Amino acid sequence: MPVITPAYPSMCATHNVTRSTLEVITSEFSRATDVSERIMKGKLPWSALFVKHDFFLRYKYYLAIIAASKSAETQVKWYAVLCSSALSHDVTGKVLLNQKFGSS
């Protein structure tokens, strides 16, 4: 199954899915199925699909990157080099180490 990024430019991110991100994705699919089924059975209103998420409460660690540049061209170059390459490998490496040896 392709995992498409929600930001522009959209691209397949399947190669970035680790065991921990797969668990989060699977859990969210299960939650969505439960909410959808309860709506279809009349046990929940349609507004239940749009409740505020609790991402920052449910996960102990997350990474937020805010970047600004003087031009769109500089921003694209910065993103291509740092975010999609170096940072991705660093985070993936740490996740794999934690899966193999446990978190510290």
N, C-alpha and C. Protein backbone atom coordinates (compact mmCIF):
# COMPACT_ATOMS: atom_id res chain seq x y z
N MET A 1 0.84 -1.16 0.00
CA MET A 1 0.00 0.00 0.00
C MET A 1 0.90 1.24 0.00
N PRO A 2 0.68 2.17 -0.91
CA PRO A 2 1.49 3.39 -0.92
C PRO A 2 1.14 4.30 0.26
N VAL A 3 2.13 4.95 0.81
CA VAL A 3 1.94 5.93 1.86
C VAL A 3 2.33 7.27 1.23
N ILE A 4 1.34 8.11 0.98
CA ILE A 4 1.56 9.37 0.28
C ILE A 4 1.65 10.51 1.29
N THR A 5 2.65 11.37 1.14
CA THR A 5 2.81 12.50 2.04
C THR A 5 1.67 13.49 1.84
N PRO A 6 1.19 14.10 2.93
CA PRO A 6 0.07 15.04 2.81
C PRO A 6 0.49 16.44 2.37
N ALA A 7 1.77 16.70 2.25
CA ALA A 7 2.25 18.02 1.88
C ALA A 7 2.73 18.04 0.43
N TYR A 8 2.79 19.22 -0.13
CA TYR A 8 3.27 19.38 -1.50
C TYR A 8 4.78 19.36 -1.51
N PRO A 9 5.45 18.73 -2.40
CA PRO A 9 4.88 17.86 -3.44
C PRO A 9 4.57 16.49 -2.86
N SER A 10 3.42 15.95 -3.22
CA SER A 10 3.04 14.62 -2.75
C SER A 10 4.00 13.59 -3.31
N MET A 11 4.40 12.67 -2.46
CA MET A 11 5.29 11.60 -2.93
C MET A 11 5.09 10.37 -2.06
N CYS A 12 5.50 9.25 -2.57
CA CYS A 12 5.37 8.00 -1.84
C CYS A 12 6.44 7.95 -0.74
N ALA A 13 6.01 7.69 0.47
CA ALA A 13 6.93 7.63 1.61
C ALA A 13 6.98 6.24 2.23
N THR A 14 6.55 5.24 1.47
CA THR A 14 6.51 3.87 1.98
C THR A 14 7.87 3.41 2.50
N HIS A 15 8.93 3.81 1.83
CA HIS A 15 10.28 3.38 2.24
C HIS A 15 10.69 3.97 3.60
N ASN A 16 9.96 4.97 4.09
CA ASN A 16 10.26 5.58 5.38
C ASN A 16 9.46 4.98 6.53
N VAL A 17 8.59 4.04 6.26
CA VAL A 17 7.75 3.46 7.30
C VAL A 17 8.57 2.45 8.11
N THR A 18 8.63 2.68 9.41
CA THR A 18 9.33 1.77 10.31
C THR A 18 8.28 0.99 11.10
N ARG A 19 8.73 0.09 11.94
CA ARG A 19 7.81 -0.69 12.75
C ARG A 19 6.93 0.22 13.62
N SER A 20 7.55 1.23 14.22
CA SER A 20 6.78 2.12 15.10
C SER A 20 5.77 2.96 14.31
N THR A 21 6.15 3.47 13.14
CA THR A 21 5.19 4.25 12.37
C THR A 21 4.09 3.36 11.80
N LEU A 22 4.42 2.11 11.47
CA LEU A 22 3.40 1.17 11.01
C LEU A 22 2.38 0.90 12.12
N GLU A 23 2.84 0.80 13.35
CA GLU A 23 1.93 0.60 14.48
C GLU A 23 0.99 1.79 14.64
N VAL A 24 1.51 3.00 14.47
CA VAL A 24 0.67 4.20 14.58
C VAL A 24 -0.35 4.22 13.45
N ILE A 25 0.10 3.95 12.23
CA ILE A 25 -0.80 3.95 11.07
C ILE A 25 -1.90 2.90 11.26
N THR A 26 -1.53 1.70 11.66
CA THR A 26 -2.49 0.62 11.86
C THR A 26 -3.49 0.98 12.96
N SER A 27 -3.00 1.57 14.03
CA SER A 27 -3.87 1.99 15.13
C SER A 27 -4.87 3.04 14.66
N GLU A 28 -4.41 3.99 13.87
CA GLU A 28 -5.30 5.05 13.37
C GLU A 28 -6.33 4.49 12.40
N PHE A 29 -5.94 3.52 11.57
CA PHE A 29 -6.91 2.87 10.68
C PHE A 29 -7.98 2.15 11.50
N SER A 30 -7.57 1.47 12.56
CA SER A 30 -8.53 0.76 13.42
C SER A 30 -9.48 1.74 14.09
N ARG A 31 -8.94 2.84 14.57
CA ARG A 31 -9.77 3.87 15.20
C ARG A 31 -10.76 4.45 14.20
N ALA A 32 -10.28 4.73 12.98
CA ALA A 32 -11.16 5.27 11.94
C ALA A 32 -12.27 4.29 11.58
N THR A 33 -11.93 3.00 11.51
CA THR A 33 -12.94 1.98 11.22
C THR A 33 -13.99 1.96 12.32
N ASP A 34 -13.55 2.00 13.56
CA ASP A 34 -14.48 1.98 14.70
C ASP A 34 -15.42 3.19 14.66
N VAL A 35 -14.86 4.37 14.47
CA VAL A 35 -15.68 5.58 14.44
C VAL A 35 -16.65 5.52 13.27
N SER A 36 -16.17 5.11 12.10
CA SER A 36 -17.04 5.03 10.91
C SER A 36 -18.18 4.04 11.10
N GLU A 37 -17.87 2.89 11.65
CA GLU A 37 -18.91 1.88 11.88
C GLU A 37 -19.95 2.38 12.88
N ARG A 38 -19.50 3.06 13.92
CA ARG A 38 -20.44 3.59 14.92
C ARG A 38 -21.31 4.69 14.34
N ILE A 39 -20.76 5.48 13.42
CA ILE A 39 -21.56 6.51 12.74
C ILE A 39 -22.61 5.85 11.86
N MET A 40 -22.20 4.84 11.10
CA MET A 40 -23.13 4.17 10.19
C MET A 40 -24.25 3.44 10.94
N LYS A 41 -23.98 3.01 12.17
CA LYS A 41 -25.00 2.34 12.99
C LYS A 41 -25.84 3.34 13.77
N GLY A 42 -25.54 4.65 13.62
CA GLY A 42 -26.31 5.68 14.30
C GLY A 42 -25.92 5.90 15.75
N LYS A 43 -24.80 5.33 16.19
CA LYS A 43 -24.38 5.47 17.58
C LYS A 43 -23.54 6.72 17.82
N LEU A 44 -23.02 7.31 16.74
CA LEU A 44 -22.24 8.55 16.83
C LEU A 44 -22.73 9.51 15.75
N PRO A 45 -22.63 10.81 15.99
CA PRO A 45 -22.98 11.77 14.94
C PRO A 45 -21.82 11.92 13.95
N TRP A 46 -22.11 12.44 12.76
CA TRP A 46 -21.07 12.64 11.76
C TRP A 46 -19.97 13.56 12.26
N SER A 47 -20.28 14.45 13.17
CA SER A 47 -19.27 15.37 13.70
C SER A 47 -18.15 14.63 14.44
N ALA A 48 -18.37 13.37 14.79
CA ALA A 48 -17.34 12.57 15.46
C ALA A 48 -16.11 12.39 14.58
N LEU A 49 -16.28 12.52 13.27
CA LEU A 49 -15.14 12.40 12.36
C LEU A 49 -14.20 13.60 12.45
N PHE A 50 -14.69 14.69 13.02
CA PHE A 50 -13.92 15.93 13.00
C PHE A 50 -13.52 16.43 14.38
N VAL A 51 -13.46 15.54 15.34
CA VAL A 51 -13.03 15.95 16.68
C VAL A 51 -11.54 16.28 16.66
N LYS A 52 -11.15 17.18 17.53
CA LYS A 52 -9.75 17.60 17.61
C LYS A 52 -8.87 16.40 17.98
N HIS A 53 -7.77 16.27 17.29
CA HIS A 53 -6.87 15.14 17.57
C HIS A 53 -6.08 15.38 18.85
N ASP A 54 -5.54 14.31 19.39
CA ASP A 54 -4.75 14.40 20.62
C ASP A 54 -3.32 13.92 20.42
N PHE A 55 -2.78 14.17 19.23
CA PHE A 55 -1.44 13.70 18.86
C PHE A 55 -0.39 14.07 19.90
N PHE A 56 -0.38 15.33 20.32
CA PHE A 56 0.67 15.80 21.22
C PHE A 56 0.50 15.30 22.65
N LEU A 57 -0.64 14.73 22.95
CA LEU A 57 -0.86 14.12 24.27
C LEU A 57 -0.57 12.62 24.24
N ARG A 58 -0.81 11.98 23.08
CA ARG A 58 -0.67 10.53 22.98
C ARG A 58 0.77 10.07 22.78
N TYR A 59 1.60 10.91 22.22
CA TYR A 59 2.97 10.49 21.91
C TYR A 59 3.96 11.30 22.73
N LYS A 60 4.87 10.58 23.36
CA LYS A 60 5.83 11.22 24.25
C LYS A 60 6.85 12.04 23.46
N TYR A 61 7.26 11.54 22.31
CA TYR A 61 8.28 12.21 21.51
C TYR A 61 7.75 12.49 20.11
N TYR A 62 8.07 13.61 19.59
CA TYR A 62 7.77 13.96 18.21
C TYR A 62 8.77 15.01 17.77
N LEU A 63 8.87 15.18 16.50
CA LEU A 63 9.83 16.11 15.94
C LEU A 63 9.08 17.14 15.11
N ALA A 64 9.29 18.39 15.42
CA ALA A 64 8.68 19.47 14.64
C ALA A 64 9.81 20.34 14.10
N ILE A 65 9.79 20.60 12.82
CA ILE A 65 10.81 21.43 12.19
C ILE A 65 10.13 22.62 11.57
N ILE A 66 10.60 23.79 11.91
CA ILE A 66 10.09 25.02 11.31
C ILE A 66 11.27 25.67 10.61
N ALA A 67 11.11 25.93 9.33
CA ALA A 67 12.19 26.52 8.55
C ALA A 67 11.68 27.69 7.74
N ALA A 68 12.51 28.71 7.61
CA ALA A 68 12.15 29.87 6.80
C ALA A 68 13.36 30.26 5.96
N SER A 69 13.09 30.72 4.77
CA SER A 69 14.14 31.15 3.85
C SER A 69 13.74 32.46 3.21
N LYS A 70 14.73 33.13 2.62
CA LYS A 70 14.45 34.40 1.95
C LYS A 70 13.81 34.20 0.59
N SER A 71 13.95 32.99 0.02
CA SER A 71 13.34 32.75 -1.29
C SER A 71 12.83 31.32 -1.36
N ALA A 72 11.90 31.09 -2.28
CA ALA A 72 11.35 29.75 -2.47
C ALA A 72 12.44 28.79 -2.95
N GLU A 73 13.34 29.27 -3.78
CA GLU A 73 14.42 28.43 -4.30
C GLU A 73 15.33 27.94 -3.18
N THR A 74 15.67 28.85 -2.27
CA THR A 74 16.51 28.47 -1.13
C THR A 74 15.78 27.47 -0.25
N GLN A 75 14.50 27.68 -0.04
CA GLN A 75 13.70 26.77 0.79
C GLN A 75 13.69 25.37 0.21
N VAL A 76 13.50 25.26 -1.09
CA VAL A 76 13.47 23.95 -1.75
C VAL A 76 14.81 23.26 -1.60
N LYS A 77 15.90 23.98 -1.80
CA LYS A 77 17.24 23.39 -1.66
C LYS A 77 17.48 22.93 -0.23
N TRP A 78 17.09 23.76 0.73
CA TRP A 78 17.28 23.42 2.14
C TRP A 78 16.51 22.15 2.48
N TYR A 79 15.26 22.10 2.03
CA TYR A 79 14.43 20.94 2.32
C TYR A 79 15.00 19.68 1.67
N ALA A 80 15.41 19.78 0.41
CA ALA A 80 15.92 18.62 -0.31
C ALA A 80 17.16 18.05 0.36
N VAL A 81 18.02 18.92 0.85
CA VAL A 81 19.27 18.46 1.45
C VAL A 81 19.09 17.99 2.88
N LEU A 82 18.49 18.82 3.70
CA LEU A 82 18.43 18.48 5.12
C LEU A 82 17.26 17.58 5.48
N CYS A 83 16.07 18.01 5.18
CA CYS A 83 14.88 17.27 5.64
C CYS A 83 14.75 15.91 5.00
N SER A 84 14.75 15.87 3.70
CA SER A 84 14.44 14.61 3.05
C SER A 84 15.62 13.66 2.99
N SER A 85 16.80 14.10 3.32
CA SER A 85 17.95 13.22 3.22
C SER A 85 18.59 12.99 4.59
N ALA A 86 19.35 13.97 5.05
CA ALA A 86 20.13 13.79 6.28
C ALA A 86 19.25 13.53 7.49
N LEU A 87 18.22 14.32 7.68
CA LEU A 87 17.35 14.16 8.84
C LEU A 87 16.61 12.83 8.79
N SER A 88 16.13 12.46 7.62
CA SER A 88 15.43 11.20 7.46
C SER A 88 16.31 10.02 7.86
N HIS A 89 17.54 10.02 7.39
CA HIS A 89 18.46 8.93 7.73
C HIS A 89 18.79 8.91 9.21
N ASP A 90 18.95 10.09 9.81
CA ASP A 90 19.26 10.18 11.23
C ASP A 90 18.12 9.62 12.08
N VAL A 91 16.90 10.06 11.80
CA VAL A 91 15.74 9.60 12.57
C VAL A 91 15.53 8.10 12.35
N THR A 92 15.59 7.65 11.10
CA THR A 92 15.40 6.23 10.81
C THR A 92 16.46 5.40 11.51
N GLY A 93 17.69 5.87 11.52
CA GLY A 93 18.76 5.15 12.21
C GLY A 93 18.51 5.02 13.69
N LYS A 94 18.03 6.10 14.32
CA LYS A 94 17.74 6.06 15.75
C LYS A 94 16.58 5.12 16.05
N VAL A 95 15.58 5.13 15.21
CA VAL A 95 14.44 4.23 15.40
C VAL A 95 14.90 2.78 15.29
N LEU A 96 15.70 2.48 14.29
CA LEU A 96 16.18 1.11 14.11
C LEU A 96 17.05 0.67 15.28
N LEU A 97 17.89 1.56 15.79
CA LEU A 97 18.71 1.22 16.96
C LEU A 97 17.83 0.94 18.17
N ASN A 98 16.80 1.76 18.37
CA ASN A 98 15.89 1.54 19.50
C ASN A 98 15.15 0.22 19.35
N GLN A 99 14.78 -0.14 18.12
CA GLN A 99 14.07 -1.41 17.91
C GLN A 99 14.99 -2.58 18.20
N LYS A 100 16.26 -2.44 17.88
CA LYS A 100 17.20 -3.54 18.08
C LYS A 100 17.69 -3.65 19.53
N PHE A 101 18.01 -2.50 20.14
CA PHE A 101 18.64 -2.52 21.45
C PHE A 101 17.76 -1.95 22.57
N GLY A 102 16.60 -1.42 22.23
CA GLY A 102 15.72 -0.82 23.25
C GLY A 102 16.05 0.63 23.45
N SER A 103 15.08 1.39 23.91
CA SER A 103 15.31 2.83 24.10
C SER A 103 16.09 3.06 25.37
N SER A 104 16.81 4.18 25.37
CA SER A 104 17.64 4.48 26.53
C SER A 104 16.99 5.47 27.46
